[in-house]
Each structure stands twice: as C-alpha cells, then as structure tokens.
Amino acid sequence: MPHPLLASMYVALGGGIGALLRYQLGRAMTHWLGAPVVAAFPWATLAANVIGSMAMGVLAGWLARFGQGGEQLRLLIGVGLLGGFTTFSSFSLEIMLLMERGQGAQAFLYAAVSVLAGLSGLYIGLIVMRLVV
C-alpha cells in the first residue's frame, strides 16, 4: 500500500487524465453526431460509461491475473482515470432531466441500455483478458 500522499497523487493524476479524455470524447461525439443529436440524447455519456466499464473489466482481469503493481494501477487507472472518465453522476442527472422533460420512456431506455451495455462491456473486457493471457 503506497503512502497516502502518493496514493492521492496517483488518483489525482489519473483523474485529471480521465476528465480530459471524457471532455474530448464529448467534443468528438458532438462533432461526429452534431449538436442537435447530442442535445436530444446523452450519447457521449453513454459511450463514456460503456468504454469505461470495458476498460474496468480489462483492468480487473489484469489485476486478478497478474497482480503486479496492483494497488498503484488500481489507484491510477481504476479510481483515478476511469473515475474521471466515466460519468455516472452525469448519467443520473441526465436521467432526471429526461424525466423532468416528460421523456420517461427515453429515460428508462437510456438507463436500461447504459446498465446492460456497461455490464456487457465489463464482461467482454474480462473475457478479452482471459483470452489474451
């Protein structure tokens, strides 16, 4: 277990990188799909949550398999980078906003697809790590 200050630095570094990646993903999705499409449905948040879940599966598979540098990698990538990249708090807010706009069916669909795709991404990430090594 690293010293608490060093552990905090791992999390902060990873979190900064993850937040920057999340911001750039949002910009790229807006450029790719167009502002009206992104404003109508939270595609960037959905993409971040699925990609982040898959990456978490790869990380969990790596740590379970090898365990080398486990705590540092967990802090830097799992807590920091993926914590800064995935946007579950934004996910919750967007569901509430859809519901407040009277789009309950879209809110339910978004929540269901996000959870199912995120779990699928995690599972695929674990399988990839099991097949690779």
Protein backbone atom coordinates (compact mmCIF):
# COMPACT_ATOMS: atom_id res chain seq x y z
CA MET A 1 0.00 0.00 0.00
CA PRO A 2 1.56 3.32 -1.05
CA HIS A 3 1.85 6.23 1.36
CA PRO A 4 -1.47 8.17 1.49
CA LEU A 5 0.09 11.22 -0.20
CA LEU A 6 1.50 9.11 -3.03
CA ALA A 7 -1.83 7.26 -3.34
CA SER A 8 -3.61 10.62 -3.61
CA MET A 9 -1.18 11.70 -6.31
CA TYR A 10 -1.91 8.54 -8.33
CA VAL A 11 -5.65 9.22 -8.08
CA ALA A 12 -5.26 12.91 -8.93
CA LEU A 13 -3.05 12.23 -11.95
CA GLY A 14 -5.37 9.53 -13.26
CA GLY A 15 -8.45 11.63 -12.53
CA GLY A 16 -7.09 14.60 -14.44
CA ILE A 17 -6.28 12.44 -17.46
CA GLY A 18 -9.67 10.71 -17.27
CA ALA A 19 -11.56 14.00 -17.04
CA LEU A 20 -9.65 15.37 -20.03
CA LEU A 21 -10.41 12.23 -22.03
CA ARG A 22 -14.10 12.47 -21.09
CA TYR A 23 -14.22 16.10 -22.18
CA GLN A 24 -12.56 15.29 -25.50
CA LEU A 25 -14.96 12.38 -26.04
CA GLY A 26 -17.88 14.77 -25.57
CA ARG A 27 -16.39 17.20 -28.08
CA ALA A 28 -15.70 14.41 -30.57
CA MET A 29 -19.22 12.99 -30.25
CA THR A 30 -20.74 16.45 -30.76
CA HIS A 31 -18.57 16.98 -33.84
CA TRP A 32 -19.35 13.49 -35.19
CA LEU A 33 -23.10 13.34 -34.47
CA GLY A 34 -23.94 17.04 -34.47
CA ALA A 35 -25.12 19.24 -31.63
CA PRO A 36 -28.88 18.59 -32.13
CA VAL A 37 -28.42 14.80 -31.86
CA VAL A 38 -26.20 15.08 -28.78
CA ALA A 39 -28.65 17.52 -27.17
CA ALA A 40 -31.55 15.12 -27.75
CA PHE A 41 -29.88 12.06 -26.19
CA PRO A 42 -26.76 11.77 -23.99
CA TRP A 43 -24.67 9.74 -26.45
CA ALA A 44 -21.30 10.90 -25.08
CA THR A 45 -22.16 9.88 -21.53
CA LEU A 46 -23.42 6.51 -22.75
CA ALA A 47 -20.19 5.99 -24.72
CA ALA A 48 -18.03 7.01 -21.74
CA ASN A 49 -19.83 4.63 -19.41
CA VAL A 50 -19.60 1.67 -21.80
CA ILE A 51 -15.96 2.31 -22.72
CA GLY A 52 -15.10 2.89 -19.07
CA SER A 53 -16.85 -0.29 -18.00
CA MET A 54 -14.99 -2.30 -20.60
CA ALA A 55 -11.69 -0.75 -19.51
CA MET A 56 -12.54 -1.58 -15.89
CA GLY A 57 -13.09 -5.20 -16.94
CA VAL A 58 -9.68 -5.29 -18.60
CA LEU A 59 -8.07 -3.73 -15.51
CA ALA A 60 -9.85 -6.11 -13.13
CA GLY A 61 -8.84 -9.07 -15.29
CA TRP A 62 -5.22 -7.87 -15.39
CA LEU A 63 -5.04 -7.34 -11.64
CA ALA A 64 -6.68 -10.68 -10.92
CA ARG A 65 -4.31 -12.47 -13.29
CA PHE A 66 -1.02 -10.74 -12.56
CA GLY A 67 -1.46 -8.52 -9.52
CA GLN A 68 1.86 -6.80 -10.24
CA GLY A 69 1.76 -3.14 -9.25
CA GLY A 70 -1.84 -3.85 -8.32
CA GLU A 71 -2.53 -1.11 -5.81
CA GLN A 72 -0.77 1.59 -7.83
CA LEU A 73 -2.59 0.55 -11.03
CA ARG A 74 -5.90 0.32 -9.18
CA LEU A 75 -5.45 3.84 -7.82
CA LEU A 76 -4.09 5.40 -11.02
CA ILE A 77 -6.37 3.71 -13.55
CA GLY A 78 -9.35 2.27 -11.68
CA VAL A 79 -10.01 5.04 -9.16
CA GLY A 80 -8.39 7.98 -10.96
CA LEU A 81 -8.52 7.64 -14.73
CA LEU A 82 -11.73 5.63 -15.00
CA GLY A 83 -13.31 7.58 -12.16
CA GLY A 84 -12.59 10.81 -14.03
CA PHE A 85 -13.61 9.36 -17.39
CA THR A 86 -16.86 7.58 -16.58
CA THR A 87 -19.71 9.84 -15.79
CA PHE A 88 -22.16 8.08 -13.57
CA SER A 89 -23.12 11.28 -11.80
CA SER A 90 -23.84 12.86 -15.17
CA PHE A 91 -25.78 9.73 -16.07
CA SER A 92 -28.02 10.19 -13.04
CA LEU A 93 -28.54 13.87 -13.77
CA GLU A 94 -29.41 13.20 -17.41
CA ILE A 95 -31.99 10.58 -16.46
CA MET A 96 -33.60 13.06 -14.10
CA LEU A 97 -33.58 15.78 -16.76
CA LEU A 98 -35.20 13.46 -19.29
CA MET A 99 -37.87 12.57 -16.72
CA GLU A 100 -38.46 16.23 -15.85
CA ARG A 101 -38.93 16.99 -19.56
CA GLY A 102 -41.65 14.35 -19.67
CA GLN A 103 -39.49 11.86 -21.56
CA GLY A 104 -39.96 8.97 -19.15
CA ALA A 105 -39.72 6.28 -21.83
CA GLN A 106 -36.46 7.73 -23.13
CA ALA A 107 -35.12 7.99 -19.56
CA PHE A 108 -35.95 4.34 -18.92
CA LEU A 109 -34.41 3.26 -22.24
CA TYR A 110 -31.25 5.27 -21.56
CA ALA A 111 -30.89 3.80 -18.05
CA ALA A 112 -31.55 0.23 -19.22
CA VAL A 113 -29.18 0.42 -22.21
CA SER A 114 -26.46 2.07 -20.09
CA VAL A 115 -26.58 -0.58 -17.38
CA LEU A 116 -26.85 -3.55 -19.75
CA ALA A 117 -24.18 -2.25 -22.14
CA GLY A 118 -21.89 -1.36 -19.22
CA LEU A 119 -22.19 -4.82 -17.72
CA SER A 120 -21.65 -6.33 -21.16
CA GLY A 121 -18.57 -4.15 -21.65
CA LEU A 122 -17.15 -5.27 -18.31
CA TYR A 123 -17.81 -8.91 -19.18
CA ILE A 124 -16.18 -8.52 -22.61
CA GLY A 125 -13.17 -6.86 -21.02
CA LEU A 126 -12.76 -9.77 -18.62
CA ILE A 127 -13.09 -12.28 -21.45
CA VAL A 128 -10.52 -10.40 -23.55
CA MET A 129 -8.03 -10.54 -20.69
CA ARG A 130 -8.68 -14.24 -20.17
CA LEU A 131 -8.15 -14.98 -23.87
CA VAL A 132 -5.10 -12.77 -24.32
CA VAL A 133 -3.09 -14.23 -21.49
